[in-house]
Amino acid sequence: MKNVQIPSELFILLIRYHLIEDVSSGEKIRIGLEKKMDVLIDRELYTKYKTAPTDEEREKARTEYLDRSGVRDSFRW
């Protein structure tokens, strides 16, 4: 199982949300976790692009990574 690092501010918000039941920070927590999930997915796609065993899988991962990153088709090779 992999470890995931989050910013200390998000960690404190999570602690307050669960232990003190401070629901006012729920939106900040959701945004922070969505950002972290996007970073994890991008990293996984990039790793898959660099380590894929076949050219077809590599190109599929590269295309998906560039789509998620917002790179326009005209800038791609």
N, C-alpha and C. Protein backbone atom coordinates (compact mmCIF):
# COMPACT_ATOMS: atom_id res chain seq x y z
N MET A 1 0.84 -1.18 0.00
CA MET A 1 0.00 0.00 0.00
C MET A 1 0.89 1.24 0.00
N LYS A 2 0.54 2.20 -0.83
CA LYS A 2 1.31 3.43 -0.95
C LYS A 2 0.86 4.45 0.08
N ASN A 3 1.79 5.32 0.45
CA ASN A 3 1.48 6.45 1.31
C ASN A 3 1.22 7.67 0.45
N VAL A 4 0.33 8.53 0.92
CA VAL A 4 0.00 9.75 0.20
C VAL A 4 0.22 10.92 1.15
N GLN A 5 0.94 11.92 0.67
CA GLN A 5 1.18 13.10 1.49
C GLN A 5 0.19 14.18 1.12
N ILE A 6 -0.32 14.86 2.15
CA ILE A 6 -1.22 15.99 1.94
C ILE A 6 -0.65 17.19 2.68
N PRO A 7 -1.04 18.39 2.27
CA PRO A 7 -0.58 19.59 3.00
C PRO A 7 -1.05 19.57 4.45
N SER A 8 -0.26 20.15 5.33
CA SER A 8 -0.62 20.15 6.75
C SER A 8 -1.93 20.90 7.00
N GLU A 9 -2.19 21.93 6.21
CA GLU A 9 -3.45 22.67 6.37
C GLU A 9 -4.66 21.76 6.12
N LEU A 10 -4.57 20.95 5.08
CA LEU A 10 -5.66 20.01 4.77
C LEU A 10 -5.78 18.97 5.88
N PHE A 11 -4.66 18.50 6.39
CA PHE A 11 -4.68 17.52 7.47
C PHE A 11 -5.40 18.08 8.70
N ILE A 12 -5.08 19.32 9.04
CA ILE A 12 -5.71 19.95 10.21
C ILE A 12 -7.21 20.14 9.98
N LEU A 13 -7.58 20.52 8.76
CA LEU A 13 -9.01 20.65 8.44
C LEU A 13 -9.72 19.31 8.59
N LEU A 14 -9.08 18.24 8.15
CA LEU A 14 -9.68 16.91 8.29
C LEU A 14 -9.83 16.51 9.75
N ILE A 15 -8.83 16.81 10.56
CA ILE A 15 -8.92 16.50 11.99
C ILE A 15 -10.05 17.28 12.64
N ARG A 16 -10.11 18.58 12.33
CA ARG A 16 -11.20 19.39 12.90
C ARG A 16 -12.56 18.89 12.45
N TYR A 17 -12.66 18.49 11.19
CA TYR A 17 -13.94 18.02 10.65
C TYR A 17 -14.40 16.75 11.38
N HIS A 18 -13.46 15.82 11.60
CA HIS A 18 -13.85 14.53 12.17
C HIS A 18 -13.86 14.51 13.69
N LEU A 19 -12.96 15.18 14.33
CA LEU A 19 -12.90 15.11 15.79
C LEU A 19 -13.73 16.18 16.48
N ILE A 20 -13.72 17.38 15.94
CA ILE A 20 -14.47 18.47 16.56
C ILE A 20 -15.83 18.65 15.89
N GLU A 21 -16.01 17.96 14.78
CA GLU A 21 -17.24 18.06 13.99
C GLU A 21 -17.49 19.48 13.49
N ASP A 22 -16.41 20.10 13.03
CA ASP A 22 -16.48 21.44 12.45
C ASP A 22 -16.82 21.29 10.96
N VAL A 23 -18.10 21.35 10.64
CA VAL A 23 -18.55 21.12 9.27
C VAL A 23 -18.39 22.35 8.38
N SER A 24 -17.97 23.46 8.95
CA SER A 24 -17.82 24.67 8.15
C SER A 24 -16.68 24.58 7.14
N SER A 25 -15.73 23.67 7.37
CA SER A 25 -14.60 23.54 6.45
C SER A 25 -14.78 22.40 5.44
N GLY A 26 -15.97 21.90 5.33
CA GLY A 26 -16.25 20.78 4.42
C GLY A 26 -15.93 21.07 2.97
N GLU A 27 -16.22 22.28 2.51
CA GLU A 27 -15.95 22.64 1.12
C GLU A 27 -14.46 22.74 0.85
N LYS A 28 -13.69 23.30 1.78
CA LYS A 28 -12.24 23.38 1.62
C LYS A 28 -11.63 21.99 1.58
N ILE A 29 -12.14 21.10 2.40
CA ILE A 29 -11.64 19.72 2.42
C ILE A 29 -11.93 19.05 1.09
N ARG A 30 -13.13 19.21 0.58
CA ARG A 30 -13.50 18.59 -0.69
C ARG A 30 -12.60 19.09 -1.82
N ILE A 31 -12.37 20.39 -1.87
CA ILE A 31 -11.51 20.97 -2.92
C ILE A 31 -10.08 20.46 -2.78
N GLY A 32 -9.56 20.42 -1.55
CA GLY A 32 -8.20 19.95 -1.32
C GLY A 32 -8.03 18.49 -1.71
N LEU A 33 -9.00 17.65 -1.38
CA LEU A 33 -8.92 16.23 -1.72
C LEU A 33 -9.08 16.01 -3.23
N GLU A 34 -9.92 16.81 -3.88
CA GLU A 34 -10.05 16.70 -5.34
C GLU A 34 -8.74 17.07 -6.03
N LYS A 35 -8.08 18.12 -5.56
CA LYS A 35 -6.79 18.51 -6.13
C LYS A 35 -5.77 17.39 -5.97
N LYS A 36 -5.73 16.80 -4.77
CA LYS A 36 -4.78 15.73 -4.51
C LYS A 36 -5.09 14.52 -5.41
N MET A 37 -6.34 14.19 -5.59
CA MET A 37 -6.72 13.07 -6.44
C MET A 37 -6.32 13.33 -7.89
N ASP A 38 -6.49 14.56 -8.35
CA ASP A 38 -6.07 14.90 -9.71
C ASP A 38 -4.56 14.73 -9.89
N VAL A 39 -3.80 15.14 -8.88
CA VAL A 39 -2.34 14.99 -8.94
C VAL A 39 -1.97 13.51 -8.98
N LEU A 40 -2.64 12.70 -8.17
CA LEU A 40 -2.35 11.26 -8.15
C LEU A 40 -2.66 10.61 -9.49
N ILE A 41 -3.78 10.97 -10.09
CA ILE A 41 -4.16 10.41 -11.39
C ILE A 41 -3.17 10.85 -12.47
N ASP A 42 -2.79 12.12 -12.47
CA ASP A 42 -1.81 12.61 -13.45
C ASP A 42 -0.49 11.87 -13.32
N ARG A 43 -0.04 11.68 -12.09
CA ARG A 43 1.22 10.98 -11.86
C ARG A 43 1.14 9.53 -12.34
N GLU A 44 0.02 8.89 -12.08
CA GLU A 44 -0.16 7.50 -12.52
C GLU A 44 -0.15 7.40 -14.05
N LEU A 45 -0.82 8.33 -14.71
CA LEU A 45 -0.84 8.32 -16.18
C LEU A 45 0.55 8.58 -16.75
N TYR A 46 1.29 9.52 -16.15
CA TYR A 46 2.63 9.82 -16.62
C TYR A 46 3.55 8.59 -16.44
N THR A 47 3.42 7.94 -15.30
CA THR A 47 4.23 6.74 -15.05
C THR A 47 3.87 5.64 -16.03
N LYS A 48 2.58 5.47 -16.29
CA LYS A 48 2.14 4.46 -17.25
C LYS A 48 2.67 4.79 -18.65
N TYR A 49 2.68 6.06 -19.00
CA TYR A 49 3.20 6.50 -20.30
C TYR A 49 4.69 6.16 -20.43
N LYS A 50 5.45 6.36 -19.37
CA LYS A 50 6.88 6.12 -19.41
C LYS A 50 7.25 4.63 -19.32
N THR A 51 6.38 3.80 -18.73
CA THR A 51 6.75 2.41 -18.47
C THR A 51 5.89 1.39 -19.21
N ALA A 52 4.99 1.82 -20.07
CA ALA A 52 4.10 0.88 -20.77
C ALA A 52 4.91 -0.08 -21.64
N PRO A 53 4.53 -1.35 -21.65
CA PRO A 53 5.29 -2.34 -22.40
C PRO A 53 5.13 -2.25 -23.92
N THR A 54 3.99 -1.74 -24.37
CA THR A 54 3.78 -1.66 -25.82
C THR A 54 3.60 -0.21 -26.24
N ASP A 55 3.87 0.03 -27.53
CA ASP A 55 3.72 1.38 -28.07
C ASP A 55 2.27 1.85 -28.00
N GLU A 56 1.34 0.92 -28.21
CA GLU A 56 -0.09 1.27 -28.19
C GLU A 56 -0.51 1.74 -26.79
N GLU A 57 -0.12 1.02 -25.76
CA GLU A 57 -0.46 1.41 -24.39
C GLU A 57 0.21 2.73 -24.01
N ARG A 58 1.45 2.90 -24.46
CA ARG A 58 2.20 4.12 -24.18
C ARG A 58 1.51 5.33 -24.80
N GLU A 59 1.09 5.19 -26.05
CA GLU A 59 0.43 6.30 -26.74
C GLU A 59 -0.92 6.62 -26.11
N LYS A 60 -1.65 5.59 -25.69
CA LYS A 60 -2.94 5.81 -25.04
C LYS A 60 -2.76 6.58 -23.73
N ALA A 61 -1.77 6.18 -22.92
CA ALA A 61 -1.51 6.87 -21.66
C ALA A 61 -1.02 8.29 -21.90
N ARG A 62 -0.18 8.48 -22.92
CA ARG A 62 0.31 9.82 -23.24
C ARG A 62 -0.83 10.75 -23.64
N THR A 63 -1.71 10.24 -24.50
CA THR A 63 -2.85 11.03 -24.96
C THR A 63 -3.77 11.40 -23.80
N GLU A 64 -4.04 10.43 -22.93
CA GLU A 64 -4.91 10.70 -21.79
C GLU A 64 -4.27 11.71 -20.84
N TYR A 65 -2.97 11.58 -20.63
CA TYR A 65 -2.25 12.52 -19.77
C TYR A 65 -2.30 13.93 -20.35
N LEU A 66 -2.06 14.07 -21.64
CA LEU A 66 -2.09 15.39 -22.27
C LEU A 66 -3.49 15.98 -22.27
N ASP A 67 -4.52 15.13 -22.46
CA ASP A 67 -5.90 15.60 -22.40
C ASP A 67 -6.22 16.16 -21.01
N ARG A 68 -5.82 15.43 -19.98
CA ARG A 68 -6.08 15.88 -18.60
C ARG A 68 -5.29 17.15 -18.27
N SER A 69 -4.11 17.29 -18.87
CA SER A 69 -3.27 18.45 -18.59
C SER A 69 -3.72 19.69 -19.35
N GLY A 70 -4.59 19.53 -20.32
CA GLY A 70 -5.12 20.66 -21.06
C GLY A 70 -4.24 21.09 -22.23
N VAL A 71 -3.38 20.20 -22.70
CA VAL A 71 -2.51 20.52 -23.83
C VAL A 71 -3.33 20.36 -25.11
N ARG A 72 -3.37 21.42 -25.91
CA ARG A 72 -4.14 21.37 -27.15
C ARG A 72 -3.48 20.46 -28.17
N ASP A 73 -4.31 19.92 -29.07
CA ASP A 73 -3.82 19.01 -30.10
C ASP A 73 -2.76 19.66 -31.00
N SER A 74 -2.90 20.96 -31.22
CA SER A 74 -1.95 21.65 -32.11
C SER A 74 -0.55 21.75 -31.52
N PHE A 75 -0.41 21.57 -30.20
CA PHE A 75 0.91 21.62 -29.56
C PHE A 75 1.53 20.26 -29.39
N ARG A 76 0.83 19.23 -29.79
CA ARG A 76 1.33 17.86 -29.60
C ARG A 76 2.11 17.40 -30.80
N TRP A 77 2.98 16.43 -30.60
CA TRP A 77 3.72 15.85 -31.71
C TRP A 77 3.26 14.48 -31.99
